[in-house]
Each structure stands twice: as C-alpha cells, then as structure tokens.
Amino acid sequence: MNDLTQECQKSFREIYDGLPERSTVKAPKTEFVERIAELTMKSVKTVRCWLAGVQTPDALSKSVIEKELNIPSEILFP
C-alpha cells in the first residue's frame, strides 16, 4: 500500500469521532457501535472498550471490522 493511501485512511477511533453528534434520531455514533457489536458478535460495552483503547479486538473481530470498513486493521488499531 502506498503512503498516500495510508494517509487517507483513518483509525477505528478517528472514524467514530468523525460521526455526527446526536440528533432527533438514534445517535450515529450509537448506531456505529451497535453495528460493529452485531458484526463481531460482541457486546456494545466491548466495542466501547476498543474505542477507549482499554481492550483490543481479537484477530477474527479485527478481520470482520476490516472487511466492513474496508480499511486495514493496522490502520484501524495502531
């Protein structure tokens, strides 16, 4: 992968932080967390721990997230 492509991609936390704030519908960040939890078959609490950097996802979860977001796991979880 070239340097330009790597610079354009964001980490897992940067993608989350870039989502809009809460509105009258379900909060986009909550939807994001719930979607990742559903895809990885993990709890919402676990996904929030990944975002906080308290835990890191296992290899299978990283692979699922990588496919969903189309960004290499090395960039998502530096």
C-alpha atoms as a PDB file:
ATOM      1  CA  MET A   1       0.000   0.000   0.000  1.00  0.00           C
ATOM      2  CA  ASN A   2       1.407   3.407  -0.862  1.00  0.00           C
ATOM      3  CA  ASP A   3       1.888   6.284   1.586  1.00  0.00           C
ATOM      4  CA  LEU A   4      -0.867   8.415   0.066  1.00  0.00           C
ATOM      5  CA  THR A   5      -3.456   5.669   0.573  1.00  0.00           C
ATOM      6  CA  GLN A   6      -2.387   5.191   4.197  1.00  0.00           C
ATOM      7  CA  GLU A   7      -2.664   8.922   4.913  1.00  0.00           C
ATOM      8  CA  CYS A   8      -6.249   8.995   3.580  1.00  0.00           C
ATOM      9  CA  GLN A   9      -7.397   6.165   5.831  1.00  0.00           C
ATOM     10  CA  LYS A  10      -8.441   6.680   9.409  1.00  0.00           C
ATOM     11  CA  SER A  11      -8.125   4.681  12.600  1.00  0.00           C
ATOM     12  CA  PHE A  12     -11.144   2.984  14.168  1.00  0.00           C
ATOM     13  CA  ARG A  13     -11.362   5.795  16.742  1.00  0.00           C
ATOM     14  CA  GLU A  14     -10.993   8.525  14.081  1.00  0.00           C
ATOM     15  CA  ILE A  15     -13.905   7.056  12.106  1.00  0.00           C
ATOM     16  CA  TYR A  16     -16.035   7.007  15.272  1.00  0.00           C
ATOM     17  CA  ASP A  17     -15.014  10.556  16.231  1.00  0.00           C
ATOM     18  CA  GLY A  18     -15.891  11.768  12.737  1.00  0.00           C
ATOM     19  CA  LEU A  19     -19.525  10.689  13.003  1.00  0.00           C
ATOM     20  CA  PRO A  20     -22.123  13.397  13.625  1.00  0.00           C
ATOM     21  CA  GLU A  21     -23.322  14.135  17.137  1.00  0.00           C
ATOM     22  CA  ARG A  22     -26.714  13.072  18.494  1.00  0.00           C
ATOM     23  CA  SER A  23     -29.832  14.256  16.694  1.00  0.00           C
ATOM     24  CA  THR A  24     -33.555  13.512  16.983  1.00  0.00           C
ATOM     25  CA  VAL A  25     -32.999  10.017  15.582  1.00  0.00           C
ATOM     26  CA  LYS A  26     -30.724   7.365  17.054  1.00  0.00           C
ATOM     27  CA  ALA A  27     -27.278   8.837  17.535  1.00  0.00           C
ATOM     28  CA  PRO A  28     -24.963   7.961  14.598  1.00  0.00           C
ATOM     29  CA  LYS A  29     -22.182   7.019  16.993  1.00  0.00           C
ATOM     30  CA  THR A  30     -24.527   4.667  18.846  1.00  0.00           C
ATOM     31  CA  GLU A  31     -25.566   3.114  15.522  1.00  0.00           C
ATOM     32  CA  PHE A  32     -21.896   2.658  14.610  1.00  0.00           C
ATOM     33  CA  VAL A  33     -21.094   0.941  17.913  1.00  0.00           C
ATOM     34  CA  GLU A  34     -24.177  -1.274  17.702  1.00  0.00           C
ATOM     35  CA  ARG A  35     -23.375  -2.240  14.084  1.00  0.00           C
ATOM     36  CA  ILE A  36     -19.795  -3.219  14.962  1.00  0.00           C
ATOM     37  CA  ALA A  37     -21.057  -5.156  18.002  1.00  0.00           C
ATOM     38  CA  GLU A  38     -23.554  -7.003  15.803  1.00  0.00           C
ATOM     39  CA  LEU A  39     -20.976  -7.818  13.123  1.00  0.00           C
ATOM     40  CA  THR A  40     -18.372  -9.072  15.582  1.00  0.00           C
ATOM     41  CA  MET A  41     -20.915 -10.780  17.837  1.00  0.00           C
ATOM     42  CA  LYS A  42     -19.542  -8.827  20.803  1.00  0.00           C
ATOM     43  CA  SER A  43     -21.292  -6.601  23.323  1.00  0.00           C
ATOM     44  CA  VAL A  44     -21.682  -2.869  22.892  1.00  0.00           C
ATOM     45  CA  LYS A  45     -19.596  -2.498  26.058  1.00  0.00           C
ATOM     46  CA  THR A  46     -16.740  -4.443  24.439  1.00  0.00           C
ATOM     47  CA  VAL A  47     -16.802  -2.230  21.332  1.00  0.00           C
ATOM     48  CA  ARG A  48     -16.728   0.860  23.542  1.00  0.00           C
ATOM     49  CA  CYS A  49     -13.674  -0.593  25.326  1.00  0.00           C
ATOM     50  CA  TRP A  50     -11.991  -0.969  21.926  1.00  0.00           C
ATOM     51  CA  LEU A  51     -12.760   2.664  21.147  1.00  0.00           C
ATOM     52  CA  ALA A  52     -11.382   3.780  24.501  1.00  0.00           C
ATOM     53  CA  GLY A  53      -8.226   1.739  23.953  1.00  0.00           C
ATOM     54  CA  VAL A  54      -8.825  -0.304  27.108  1.00  0.00           C
ATOM     55  CA  GLN A  55      -9.009  -3.527  25.081  1.00  0.00           C
ATOM     56  CA  THR A  56      -8.073  -4.562  21.572  1.00  0.00           C
ATOM     57  CA  PRO A  57     -10.197  -6.831  19.395  1.00  0.00           C
ATOM     58  CA  ASP A  58      -9.139 -10.395  18.723  1.00  0.00           C
ATOM     59  CA  ALA A  59      -7.888 -11.316  15.241  1.00  0.00           C
ATOM     60  CA  LEU A  60     -11.278 -12.537  13.997  1.00  0.00           C
ATOM     61  CA  SER A  61     -13.049  -9.370  15.150  1.00  0.00           C
ATOM     62  CA  LYS A  62     -10.343  -7.227  13.543  1.00  0.00           C
ATOM     63  CA  SER A  63     -10.832  -9.132  10.297  1.00  0.00           C
ATOM     64  CA  VAL A  64     -14.602  -8.564  10.352  1.00  0.00           C
ATOM     65  CA  ILE A  65     -14.209  -4.837  11.109  1.00  0.00           C
ATOM     66  CA  GLU A  66     -11.528  -4.526   8.445  1.00  0.00           C
ATOM     67  CA  LYS A  67     -13.878  -6.009   5.821  1.00  0.00           C
ATOM     68  CA  GLU A  68     -16.821  -3.857   6.930  1.00  0.00           C
ATOM     69  CA  LEU A  69     -14.871  -0.579   6.875  1.00  0.00           C
ATOM     70  CA  ASN A  70     -12.548  -1.564   4.023  1.00  0.00           C
ATOM     71  CA  ILE A  71      -9.503  -0.318   5.943  1.00  0.00           C
ATOM     72  CA  PRO A  72      -6.566  -2.495   7.062  1.00  0.00           C
ATOM     73  CA  SER A  73      -6.609  -3.415  10.749  1.00  0.00           C
ATOM     74  CA  GLU A  74      -3.075  -1.994  11.186  1.00  0.00           C
ATOM     75  CA  ILE A  75      -4.539   1.442  10.471  1.00  0.00           C
ATOM     76  CA  LEU A  76      -7.752   0.907  12.442  1.00  0.00           C
ATOM     77  CA  PHE A  77      -5.912  -0.277  15.546  1.00  0.00           C
ATOM     78  CA  PRO A  78      -2.444   1.343  15.577  1.00  0.00           C
END
